[in-house]
């Protein structure tokens, strides 16, 4: 099992502003200025949040002229989904085990 890393996707999504940025990028790719226009924070603050999301592997960027356009990184988002699926499957399995034990105990 991989060890906890401070720059993992879950840690990055712990901030509500970064979740808002991810929600915006889920609609379509955007530049920093476009994101800043939609959020109640400055362009430098958006850039800092994007850096955290990029370091966590959740967004990627590319140059388009003089600006950088950010988009969700499908591989990073898929990794989070895989982790959620694993948690969900474990929870269901545990529930089935407990439910099965409860049925066995009934006289």
C-alpha atoms as a PDB file:
ATOM      1  CA  UNK A   1       0.000   0.000   0.000  1.00  0.00           C
ATOM      2  CA  UNK A   2       1.440   3.419  -0.912  1.00  0.00           C
ATOM      3  CA  UNK A   3       2.367   5.704   1.921  1.00  0.00           C
ATOM      4  CA  UNK A   4       0.667   9.021   2.536  1.00  0.00           C
ATOM      5  CA  UNK A   5       2.133  11.906   0.551  1.00  0.00           C
ATOM      6  CA  UNK A   6       1.469  15.555   1.322  1.00  0.00           C
ATOM      7  CA  UNK A   7       0.997  16.299  -2.364  1.00  0.00           C
ATOM      8  CA  UNK A   8      -1.597  13.636  -3.103  1.00  0.00           C
ATOM      9  CA  UNK A   9      -4.928  14.394  -4.727  1.00  0.00           C
ATOM     10  CA  UNK A  10      -6.969  14.049  -1.549  1.00  0.00           C
ATOM     11  CA  UNK A  11      -4.829  16.574   0.262  1.00  0.00           C
ATOM     12  CA  UNK A  12      -5.088  18.980  -2.663  1.00  0.00           C
ATOM     13  CA  UNK A  13      -8.877  18.664  -2.726  1.00  0.00           C
ATOM     14  CA  UNK A  14      -9.083  19.418   0.986  1.00  0.00           C
ATOM     15  CA  UNK A  15      -9.228  23.127   0.169  1.00  0.00           C
ATOM     16  CA  UNK A  16     -12.616  24.507  -0.961  1.00  0.00           C
ATOM     17  CA  UNK A  17     -11.021  26.905  -3.443  1.00  0.00           C
ATOM     18  CA  UNK A  18      -9.150  24.085  -5.133  1.00  0.00           C
ATOM     19  CA  UNK A  19     -12.378  22.065  -5.299  1.00  0.00           C
ATOM     20  CA  UNK A  20     -14.033  25.078  -6.967  1.00  0.00           C
ATOM     21  CA  UNK A  21     -11.183  25.262  -9.475  1.00  0.00           C
ATOM     22  CA  UNK A  22     -11.563  21.552 -10.241  1.00  0.00           C
ATOM     23  CA  UNK A  23     -15.311  22.059 -10.731  1.00  0.00           C
ATOM     24  CA  UNK A  24     -14.627  24.890 -13.198  1.00  0.00           C
ATOM     25  CA  UNK A  25     -12.070  22.825 -15.078  1.00  0.00           C
ATOM     26  CA  UNK A  26     -14.517  19.910 -15.247  1.00  0.00           C
ATOM     27  CA  UNK A  27     -16.676  22.122 -17.468  1.00  0.00           C
ATOM     28  CA  UNK A  28     -13.857  23.084 -19.834  1.00  0.00           C
ATOM     29  CA  UNK A  29     -10.161  24.029 -19.908  1.00  0.00           C
ATOM     30  CA  UNK A  30      -9.441  27.589 -18.741  1.00  0.00           C
ATOM     31  CA  UNK A  31      -6.641  30.076 -18.305  1.00  0.00           C
ATOM     32  CA  UNK A  32      -5.753  31.583 -14.922  1.00  0.00           C
ATOM     33  CA  UNK A  33      -7.546  34.828 -15.750  1.00  0.00           C
ATOM     34  CA  UNK A  34     -10.752  33.006 -16.628  1.00  0.00           C
ATOM     35  CA  UNK A  35     -10.647  31.131 -13.342  1.00  0.00           C
ATOM     36  CA  UNK A  36      -9.926  34.327 -11.385  1.00  0.00           C
ATOM     37  CA  UNK A  37     -12.941  35.982 -13.025  1.00  0.00           C
ATOM     38  CA  UNK A  38     -15.178  33.205 -11.672  1.00  0.00           C
ATOM     39  CA  UNK A  39     -13.686  32.941  -8.191  1.00  0.00           C
ATOM     40  CA  UNK A  40     -13.432  35.472  -5.360  1.00  0.00           C
ATOM     41  CA  UNK A  41      -9.619  35.330  -5.327  1.00  0.00           C
ATOM     42  CA  UNK A  42      -6.790  37.044  -7.192  1.00  0.00           C
ATOM     43  CA  UNK A  43      -4.905  35.695 -10.195  1.00  0.00           C
ATOM     44  CA  UNK A  44      -1.775  35.037  -8.116  1.00  0.00           C
ATOM     45  CA  UNK A  45      -3.889  33.051  -5.629  1.00  0.00           C
ATOM     46  CA  UNK A  46      -5.433  31.034  -8.479  1.00  0.00           C
ATOM     47  CA  UNK A  47      -1.930  30.325  -9.787  1.00  0.00           C
ATOM     48  CA  UNK A  48      -0.826  29.075  -6.370  1.00  0.00           C
ATOM     49  CA  UNK A  49      -3.823  26.758  -6.111  1.00  0.00           C
ATOM     50  CA  UNK A  50      -3.237  25.485  -9.641  1.00  0.00           C
ATOM     51  CA  UNK A  51       0.356  24.708  -8.716  1.00  0.00           C
ATOM     52  CA  UNK A  52      -0.832  22.515  -5.824  1.00  0.00           C
ATOM     53  CA  UNK A  53      -3.341  20.760  -8.096  1.00  0.00           C
ATOM     54  CA  UNK A  54      -0.671  20.258 -10.751  1.00  0.00           C
ATOM     55  CA  UNK A  55       1.823  18.882  -8.221  1.00  0.00           C
ATOM     56  CA  UNK A  56      -0.882  16.442  -7.081  1.00  0.00           C
ATOM     57  CA  UNK A  57      -1.379  15.321 -10.672  1.00  0.00           C
ATOM     58  CA  UNK A  58      -4.976  16.538 -10.917  1.00  0.00           C
ATOM     59  CA  UNK A  59      -4.459  19.224 -13.566  1.00  0.00           C
ATOM     60  CA  UNK A  60      -2.149  19.723 -16.508  1.00  0.00           C
ATOM     61  CA  UNK A  61      -1.365  22.817 -18.510  1.00  0.00           C
ATOM     62  CA  UNK A  62      -0.107  23.857 -21.907  1.00  0.00           C
ATOM     63  CA  UNK A  63       1.000  27.087 -23.447  1.00  0.00           C
ATOM     64  CA  UNK A  64      -1.388  28.837 -25.819  1.00  0.00           C
ATOM     65  CA  UNK A  65       0.283  32.002 -26.993  1.00  0.00           C
ATOM     66  CA  UNK A  66       1.190  34.094 -23.960  1.00  0.00           C
ATOM     67  CA  UNK A  67      -1.035  32.249 -21.501  1.00  0.00           C
ATOM     68  CA  UNK A  68      -1.241  28.816 -19.968  1.00  0.00           C
ATOM     69  CA  UNK A  69      -4.462  26.864 -20.249  1.00  0.00           C
ATOM     70  CA  UNK A  70      -5.272  24.376 -17.506  1.00  0.00           C
ATOM     71  CA  UNK A  71      -7.385  21.258 -17.765  1.00  0.00           C
ATOM     72  CA  UNK A  72      -8.152  18.270 -15.584  1.00  0.00           C
ATOM     73  CA  UNK A  73      -5.637  15.461 -15.869  1.00  0.00           C
ATOM     74  CA  UNK A  74      -7.708  12.351 -16.651  1.00  0.00           C
ATOM     75  CA  UNK A  75      -5.082  10.018 -15.169  1.00  0.00           C
ATOM     76  CA  UNK A  76      -4.989  11.909 -11.856  1.00  0.00           C
ATOM     77  CA  UNK A  77      -8.769  12.038 -11.572  1.00  0.00           C
ATOM     78  CA  UNK A  78      -9.003   8.348 -12.500  1.00  0.00           C
ATOM     79  CA  UNK A  79      -6.541   7.487  -9.728  1.00  0.00           C
ATOM     80  CA  UNK A  80      -8.792   9.222  -7.187  1.00  0.00           C
ATOM     81  CA  UNK A  81     -11.820   7.402  -8.548  1.00  0.00           C
ATOM     82  CA  UNK A  82      -9.977   4.080  -8.283  1.00  0.00           C
ATOM     83  CA  UNK A  83      -9.221   4.836  -4.637  1.00  0.00           C
ATOM     84  CA  UNK A  84     -12.868   5.727  -3.975  1.00  0.00           C
ATOM     85  CA  UNK A  85     -13.985   2.504  -5.654  1.00  0.00           C
ATOM     86  CA  UNK A  86     -11.575   0.559  -3.452  1.00  0.00           C
ATOM     87  CA  UNK A  87     -12.925   2.260  -0.293  1.00  0.00           C
ATOM     88  CA  UNK A  88     -16.505   1.666  -1.402  1.00  0.00           C
ATOM     89  CA  UNK A  89     -15.889  -2.004  -2.196  1.00  0.00           C
ATOM     90  CA  UNK A  90     -14.219  -2.543   1.171  1.00  0.00           C
ATOM     91  CA  UNK A  91     -17.127  -0.858   2.952  1.00  0.00           C
ATOM     92  CA  UNK A  92     -19.667  -3.024   1.097  1.00  0.00           C
ATOM     93  CA  UNK A  93     -17.678  -6.144   1.833  1.00  0.00           C
ATOM     94  CA  UNK A  94     -17.488  -5.255   5.529  1.00  0.00           C
ATOM     95  CA  UNK A  95     -21.218  -4.560   5.594  1.00  0.00           C
ATOM     96  CA  UNK A  96     -21.932  -7.920   3.975  1.00  0.00           C
ATOM     97  CA  UNK A  97     -19.722  -9.637   6.555  1.00  0.00           C
ATOM     98  CA  UNK A  98     -21.524  -7.933   9.447  1.00  0.00           C
ATOM     99  CA  UNK A  99     -24.956  -8.627   7.942  1.00  0.00           C
ATOM    100  CA  UNK A 100     -24.019 -12.271   7.424  1.00  0.00           C
ATOM    101  CA  UNK A 101     -22.850 -12.597  11.043  1.00  0.00           C
ATOM    102  CA  UNK A 102     -26.093 -11.035  12.303  1.00  0.00           C
ATOM    103  CA  UNK A 103     -28.169 -13.527  10.296  1.00  0.00           C
ATOM    104  CA  UNK A 104     -26.119 -16.463  11.638  1.00  0.00           C
ATOM    105  CA  UNK A 105     -26.715 -15.362  15.244  1.00  0.00           C
ATOM    106  CA  UNK A 106     -30.530 -15.385  14.932  1.00  0.00           C
ATOM    107  CA  UNK A 107     -32.076 -18.500  16.524  1.00  0.00           C
END
